[in-house]
Amino acid sequence: MAYLANIRVFVRVYELGSLSAAGRDQRLSPAVVSSRLKELEKHLGVRLFNRTTRSLTPTEHGRLFYDGAKRIVAAVGEAEAAVAEISQNPRGTIHVAAPLGIGRRIIAPMVPAFNDLYPEIEVRLRLSDRRIDLTAEGIDAAFRLGVLEDSTLRLRAIAECRRVLCAAPDYLDRHGMPSGIDDLTERHACLLLRYPGSQEYYWLLATSDGVQRVEGSGRFDCDDGDVLTDWALAGRGIVSKPLFEVANLIAAGRLVEVLPDMPPLPVTLACLYPHKRLQDPKLRLFIDFMAEQCRRRIAEMLAAHGGEDSAPVTPRHAALPQR
């Protein structure tokens, strides 16, 4: 088992690019990670990484070993999943990613409840608004809120969610209520979610003339959606948000919906995962549990706005069209 554990550490160091990141992922100190790599290198008789104080790069031997090592780890995981399926005792670790907002409000608070039901399953949750590469980063499942693109991944659609443009009353007192798209782009500050690979450098609005692409501008952008909400509350501009995230703020009068006749296109809340991962009973249990909890919590959050603006979808596991 020590050899297999060393292989697992090697795979995560290779994928994450650093000893410290792999240590956090595996809940090991950098010193232990380094020691396990040295044991593996001694066993193989080759150097797997070139190490300096500032960089860690795989050697040619490391690149060759990674392909086989990754298959070994995957095969062991599938074997463990098969045994768990028969024994009705799912156990082990799953790596999950979610956007910051929905992760903080819904996913993270429900992880302890899931663990109470299945104490042998350990959930390692990573929150980020950037787009995560599941394969490269070793993620078993990722929750996403957006217009889903074609992918070789499979998905569990959870809910269709209305989006709104909104701003603080103070901002609208100073700048006026936008009257249309031209007014929005020429006279108003748009608060945009920006990060490498971001799809929100623009907004897609549903108008009477069809879907219109709006190139917003402004002095404030961030890779954290909650920061954009804070800036909107501070009167710094107009933000596009899923209604369930701001329903309570609109009900309290702290934010006001603008251009309600031409709202942003709705987005889908879904859970994405590599096809083979659903064969793992612990992951299937987690996705089923979180899908139900997400729909329930979104309905509760929308209650302040009437509760009719997010449509839970029939639970399903479907393939996204291939590119």
Protein backbone atom coordinates (compact mmCIF):
# COMPACT_ATOMS: atom_id res chain seq x y z
CA MET A 1 0.00 0.00 0.00
CA ALA A 2 2.94 2.35 0.61
CA TYR A 3 3.99 2.01 -3.03
CA LEU A 4 0.46 2.77 -4.23
CA ALA A 5 0.27 5.76 -1.88
CA ASN A 6 3.55 7.03 -3.35
CA ILE A 7 2.15 6.66 -6.86
CA ARG A 8 -0.97 8.62 -5.87
CA VAL A 9 1.22 11.42 -4.49
CA PHE A 10 3.31 11.46 -7.66
CA VAL A 11 0.19 11.76 -9.84
CA ARG A 12 -1.14 14.71 -7.84
CA VAL A 13 2.26 16.47 -7.81
CA TYR A 14 2.45 16.02 -11.57
CA GLU A 15 -1.09 17.35 -12.12
CA LEU A 16 -0.94 20.27 -9.67
CA GLY A 17 2.64 21.28 -10.36
CA SER A 18 3.90 21.74 -6.83
CA LEU A 19 4.65 19.82 -3.66
CA SER A 20 2.63 22.18 -1.48
CA ALA A 21 -0.46 22.01 -3.70
CA ALA A 22 -0.28 18.22 -3.81
CA GLY A 23 0.20 18.17 -0.05
CA ARG A 24 -2.93 20.26 0.51
CA ASP A 25 -4.83 18.00 -1.87
CA GLN A 26 -3.67 14.82 -0.12
CA ARG A 27 -3.64 16.38 3.38
CA LEU A 28 0.07 15.80 3.75
CA SER A 29 2.88 18.17 4.62
CA PRO A 30 5.27 19.20 1.81
CA ALA A 31 7.99 17.30 3.66
CA VAL A 32 5.97 14.06 3.55
CA VAL A 33 5.16 14.60 -0.13
CA SER A 34 8.85 15.13 -0.87
CA SER A 35 9.78 12.02 1.10
CA ARG A 36 7.28 9.86 -0.78
CA LEU A 37 8.54 11.13 -4.12
CA LYS A 38 12.10 10.28 -3.11
CA GLU A 39 11.00 6.78 -2.10
CA LEU A 40 9.33 6.32 -5.48
CA GLU A 41 12.35 7.65 -7.35
CA LYS A 42 14.63 5.33 -5.36
CA HIS A 43 12.40 2.36 -6.18
CA LEU A 44 12.36 3.20 -9.89
CA GLY A 45 16.00 4.21 -10.04
CA VAL A 46 15.26 7.43 -11.96
CA ARG A 47 14.54 11.09 -11.23
CA LEU A 48 10.88 11.96 -11.85
CA PHE A 49 11.12 15.74 -11.34
CA ASN A 50 13.73 18.43 -11.72
CA ARG A 51 13.49 20.54 -8.58
CA THR A 52 14.71 24.06 -7.90
CA THR A 53 13.69 26.53 -5.21
CA ARG A 54 11.26 28.13 -7.68
CA SER A 55 10.12 25.40 -10.03
CA LEU A 56 9.19 21.75 -10.30
CA THR A 57 9.17 20.21 -13.77
CA PRO A 58 8.76 16.56 -14.74
CA THR A 59 11.70 14.80 -16.36
CA GLU A 60 11.28 12.66 -19.46
CA HIS A 61 11.07 9.64 -17.13
CA GLY A 62 8.42 11.45 -15.09
CA ARG A 63 6.30 12.18 -18.15
CA LEU A 64 6.49 8.56 -19.26
CA PHE A 65 5.69 7.23 -15.79
CA TYR A 66 2.72 9.57 -15.34
CA ASP A 67 0.64 7.96 -18.10
CA GLY A 68 0.95 4.52 -16.55
CA ALA A 69 0.65 5.77 -12.98
CA LYS A 70 -2.58 7.58 -13.77
CA ARG A 71 -4.06 4.40 -15.24
CA ILE A 72 -3.03 2.48 -12.12
CA VAL A 73 -4.73 4.98 -9.80
CA ALA A 74 -7.87 4.98 -11.97
CA ALA A 75 -7.97 1.18 -12.10
CA VAL A 76 -7.66 0.88 -8.32
CA GLY A 77 -10.41 3.46 -7.90
CA GLU A 78 -12.72 1.51 -10.23
CA ALA A 79 -11.96 -1.73 -8.38
CA GLU A 80 -12.71 -0.10 -5.02
CA ALA A 81 -15.96 1.31 -6.44
CA ALA A 82 -17.01 -2.15 -7.65
CA VAL A 83 -16.39 -3.64 -4.21
CA ALA A 84 -18.29 -0.78 -2.55
CA GLU A 85 -21.23 -1.35 -4.92
CA ILE A 86 -21.48 -4.99 -3.87
CA SER A 87 -20.87 -4.39 -0.17
CA GLN A 88 -23.33 -1.48 0.01
CA ASN A 89 -20.70 0.39 2.03
CA PRO A 90 -19.46 3.29 -0.12
CA ARG A 91 -16.27 4.80 1.20
CA GLY A 92 -13.30 6.83 0.06
CA THR A 93 -12.57 10.36 -1.13
CA ILE A 94 -14.27 12.47 -3.80
CA HIS A 95 -12.92 15.76 -5.13
CA VAL A 96 -15.60 18.34 -5.90
CA ALA A 97 -15.47 21.86 -7.35
CA ALA A 98 -18.12 24.59 -7.29
CA PRO A 99 -18.45 28.33 -8.01
CA LEU A 100 -17.85 30.59 -5.02
CA GLY A 101 -21.40 31.87 -4.59
CA ILE A 102 -23.35 28.64 -4.85
CA GLY A 103 -20.50 26.78 -3.19
CA ARG A 104 -20.62 28.99 -0.09
CA ARG A 105 -24.41 29.23 0.10
CA ILE A 106 -25.51 25.72 -0.83
CA ILE A 107 -22.82 23.10 -1.42
CA ALA A 108 -20.48 23.73 1.52
CA PRO A 109 -23.25 23.99 4.17
CA MET A 110 -24.66 20.62 3.05
CA VAL A 111 -21.37 18.68 3.04
CA PRO A 112 -21.58 17.95 6.81
CA ALA A 113 -25.14 16.67 6.36
CA PHE A 114 -23.95 14.36 3.59
CA ASN A 115 -21.10 13.17 5.79
CA ASP A 116 -23.58 12.41 8.59
CA LEU A 117 -25.42 10.09 6.20
CA TYR A 118 -22.25 8.54 4.76
CA PRO A 119 -19.45 8.91 7.33
CA GLU A 120 -17.03 6.75 5.30
CA ILE A 121 -17.08 9.19 2.35
CA GLU A 122 -14.68 12.11 2.54
CA VAL A 123 -15.51 15.20 0.45
CA ARG A 124 -12.74 17.57 -0.58
CA LEU A 125 -14.35 20.76 -1.85
CA ARG A 126 -12.66 23.42 -3.96
CA LEU A 127 -14.45 26.74 -4.56
CA SER A 128 -13.56 29.02 -7.45
CA ASP A 129 -15.36 31.11 -10.07
CA ARG A 130 -12.76 30.25 -12.71
CA ARG A 131 -13.38 27.43 -15.15
CA ILE A 132 -11.80 24.23 -13.81
CA ASP A 133 -10.39 21.48 -16.01
CA LEU A 134 -11.72 18.36 -14.29
CA THR A 135 -9.28 15.96 -15.88
CA ALA A 136 -6.15 18.05 -15.42
CA GLU A 137 -6.97 18.96 -11.83
CA GLY A 138 -8.19 15.56 -10.64
CA ILE A 139 -11.79 16.68 -9.96
CA ASP A 140 -14.48 13.99 -9.79
CA ALA A 141 -17.43 16.36 -10.21
CA ALA A 142 -17.89 20.10 -10.73
CA PHE A 143 -20.99 22.22 -10.23
CA ARG A 144 -21.36 24.95 -12.83
CA LEU A 145 -23.81 27.78 -13.29
CA GLY A 146 -23.90 29.14 -16.81
CA VAL A 147 -24.66 28.49 -20.44
CA LEU A 148 -23.18 25.02 -20.80
CA GLU A 149 -20.88 24.45 -23.75
CA ASP A 150 -20.33 21.31 -25.78
CA SER A 151 -18.07 18.89 -23.96
CA THR A 152 -17.06 15.26 -23.73
CA LEU A 153 -18.13 15.40 -20.08
CA ARG A 154 -21.50 14.18 -18.88
CA LEU A 155 -23.87 16.31 -16.86
CA ARG A 156 -26.65 16.20 -14.32
CA ALA A 157 -28.93 19.16 -15.00
CA ILE A 158 -30.35 20.51 -11.74
CA ALA A 159 -32.21 23.78 -12.41
CA GLU A 160 -32.76 26.47 -15.00
CA CYS A 161 -32.16 29.80 -13.27
CA ARG A 162 -33.35 33.25 -14.29
CA ARG A 163 -30.76 36.04 -14.27
CA VAL A 164 -31.38 39.73 -13.65
CA LEU A 165 -29.56 43.00 -14.10
CA CYS A 166 -29.65 45.00 -10.90
CA ALA A 167 -28.12 48.02 -9.20
CA ALA A 168 -28.34 49.87 -5.91
CA PRO A 169 -30.95 52.65 -5.54
CA ASP A 170 -28.13 55.11 -4.83
CA TYR A 171 -26.46 54.28 -8.16
CA LEU A 172 -29.75 54.71 -10.05
CA ASP A 173 -30.43 58.03 -8.27
CA ARG A 174 -27.09 59.32 -9.54
CA HIS A 175 -27.06 57.84 -13.03
CA GLY A 176 -30.70 57.22 -13.85
CA MET A 177 -32.51 54.06 -14.84
CA PRO A 178 -31.13 52.73 -18.16
CA SER A 179 -33.73 52.92 -20.92
CA GLY A 180 -32.22 50.45 -23.36
CA ILE A 181 -29.06 48.75 -24.57
CA ASP A 182 -27.49 51.90 -26.03
CA ASP A 183 -28.10 53.77 -22.79
CA LEU A 184 -26.69 50.82 -20.83
CA THR A 185 -23.43 50.67 -22.79
CA GLU A 186 -22.88 54.42 -23.20
CA ARG A 187 -23.83 55.85 -19.81
CA HIS A 188 -23.57 53.08 -17.25
CA ALA A 189 -20.87 51.09 -15.46
CA CYS A 190 -21.12 47.32 -15.86
CA LEU A 191 -19.59 45.08 -13.20
CA LEU A 192 -18.06 42.08 -15.00
CA LEU A 193 -16.82 38.68 -13.93
CA ARG A 194 -13.37 38.34 -15.50
CA TYR A 195 -10.74 35.62 -15.29
CA PRO A 196 -8.67 33.71 -17.86
CA GLY A 197 -11.17 31.91 -20.08
CA SER A 198 -14.13 33.87 -18.71
CA GLN A 199 -17.23 33.97 -20.89
CA GLU A 200 -18.67 37.06 -19.20
CA TYR A 201 -16.80 39.89 -20.90
CA TYR A 202 -20.24 40.55 -22.35
CA TRP A 203 -23.90 39.98 -21.51
CA LEU A 204 -26.49 38.25 -23.68
CA LEU A 205 -29.86 39.97 -23.26
CA ALA A 206 -33.22 38.64 -24.44
CA THR A 207 -34.91 41.53 -26.29
CA SER A 208 -37.98 41.84 -28.49
CA ASP A 209 -35.58 41.78 -31.46
CA GLY A 210 -33.91 38.57 -30.31
CA VAL A 211 -30.79 37.90 -28.29
CA GLN A 212 -28.46 40.91 -28.19
CA ARG A 213 -24.81 40.79 -27.18
CA VAL A 214 -23.92 43.70 -24.91
CA GLU A 215 -20.29 44.74 -24.52
CA GLY A 216 -20.33 46.30 -21.08
CA SER A 217 -17.68 48.66 -19.80
CA GLY A 218 -16.66 49.97 -16.43
CA ARG A 219 -13.77 50.41 -14.02
CA PHE A 220 -14.57 47.41 -11.84
CA ASP A 221 -14.20 43.72 -12.63
CA CYS A 222 -13.29 40.71 -10.52
CA ASP A 223 -12.99 36.92 -10.61
CA ASP A 224 -15.28 36.55 -7.57
CA GLY A 225 -19.02 36.95 -8.20
CA ASP A 226 -19.72 37.87 -4.56
CA VAL A 227 -17.35 40.82 -4.85
CA LEU A 228 -19.40 42.07 -7.81
CA THR A 229 -22.53 41.92 -5.66
CA ASP A 230 -20.75 43.90 -2.92
CA TRP A 231 -19.71 46.54 -5.45
CA ALA A 232 -23.27 46.76 -6.78
CA LEU A 233 -24.54 47.27 -3.22
CA ALA A 234 -21.93 50.01 -2.82
CA GLY A 235 -23.38 51.85 -5.82
CA ARG A 236 -20.52 51.17 -8.22
CA GLY A 237 -22.51 49.84 -11.17
CA ILE A 238 -24.93 47.32 -12.64
CA VAL A 239 -24.38 43.61 -12.14
CA SER A 240 -25.82 40.50 -13.81
CA LYS A 241 -26.69 37.83 -11.23
CA PRO A 242 -28.79 34.68 -10.90
CA LEU A 243 -32.03 35.83 -9.32
CA PHE A 244 -31.84 33.36 -6.44
CA GLU A 245 -28.55 34.93 -5.29
CA VAL A 246 -30.01 38.45 -5.04
CA ALA A 247 -33.73 37.83 -4.44
CA ASN A 248 -33.45 38.77 -0.77
CA LEU A 249 -31.53 41.96 -1.63
CA ILE A 250 -34.16 42.98 -4.19
CA ALA A 251 -36.98 42.20 -1.74
CA ALA A 252 -35.25 44.36 0.90
CA GLY A 253 -34.86 47.25 -1.57
CA ARG A 254 -31.05 47.14 -1.42
CA LEU A 255 -30.90 46.29 -5.13
CA VAL A 256 -33.34 47.19 -7.92
CA GLU A 257 -33.89 45.18 -11.09
CA VAL A 258 -33.14 47.17 -14.23
CA LEU A 259 -34.28 46.54 -17.80
CA PRO A 260 -36.71 43.78 -16.74
CA ASP A 261 -38.08 43.62 -20.31
CA MET A 262 -34.69 42.55 -21.67
CA PRO A 263 -33.16 40.27 -19.02
CA PRO A 264 -29.95 38.26 -19.38
CA LEU A 265 -30.42 34.77 -20.76
CA PRO A 266 -31.16 32.20 -18.05
CA VAL A 267 -28.41 29.86 -16.96
CA THR A 268 -28.32 26.18 -16.07
CA LEU A 269 -27.10 24.86 -12.76
CA ALA A 270 -25.57 21.46 -13.47
CA CYS A 271 -23.07 18.97 -12.15
CA LEU A 272 -20.46 17.79 -14.65
CA TYR A 273 -18.33 14.69 -14.34
CA PRO A 274 -16.24 12.34 -16.49
CA HIS A 275 -18.38 9.51 -17.86
CA LYS A 276 -16.69 6.70 -15.89
CA ARG A 277 -16.99 8.53 -12.57
CA LEU A 278 -20.73 7.81 -12.27
CA GLN A 279 -19.91 4.14 -11.93
CA ASP A 280 -18.54 5.07 -8.50
CA PRO A 281 -21.41 4.68 -5.98
CA LYS A 282 -20.03 7.27 -3.57
CA LEU A 283 -20.00 9.93 -6.29
CA ARG A 284 -23.48 8.98 -7.48
CA LEU A 285 -24.78 9.29 -3.92
CA PHE A 286 -23.16 12.71 -3.54
CA ILE A 287 -24.55 14.06 -6.83
CA ASP A 288 -28.06 12.78 -6.07
CA PHE A 289 -27.96 14.29 -2.59
CA MET A 290 -26.65 17.68 -3.72
CA ALA A 291 -29.05 17.94 -6.67
CA GLU A 292 -32.01 17.58 -4.31
CA GLN A 293 -30.53 20.00 -1.78
CA CYS A 294 -29.71 22.60 -4.48
CA ARG A 295 -33.28 22.61 -5.79
CA ARG A 296 -34.70 22.89 -2.28
CA ARG A 297 -32.35 25.70 -1.25
CA ILE A 298 -32.83 27.68 -4.46
CA ALA A 299 -36.61 27.52 -3.96
CA GLU A 300 -36.16 28.84 -0.42
CA MET A 301 -33.91 31.69 -1.59
CA LEU A 302 -36.42 32.63 -4.31
CA ALA A 303 -39.31 32.72 -1.85
CA ALA A 304 -38.49 36.39 -1.23
CA HIS A 305 -39.21 37.02 -4.92
CA GLY A 306 -42.25 34.79 -5.32
CA GLY A 307 -40.42 31.54 -5.89
CA GLU A 308 -41.45 31.01 -9.51
CA ASP A 309 -38.28 32.05 -11.31
CA SER A 310 -36.14 28.94 -11.12
CA ALA A 311 -37.35 25.75 -12.71
CA PRO A 312 -36.01 22.53 -11.20
CA VAL A 313 -35.46 19.99 -13.95
CA THR A 314 -36.10 16.27 -13.92
CA PRO A 315 -33.05 14.51 -12.50
CA ARG A 316 -31.10 12.98 -15.33
CA HIS A 317 -27.64 11.96 -16.40
CA ALA A 318 -27.02 13.01 -19.98
CA ALA A 319 -24.12 13.49 -22.34
CA LEU A 320 -23.37 16.92 -23.67
CA PRO A 321 -23.03 16.95 -27.48
CA GLN A 322 -19.51 16.34 -28.67
CA ARG A 323 -17.67 19.16 -30.40
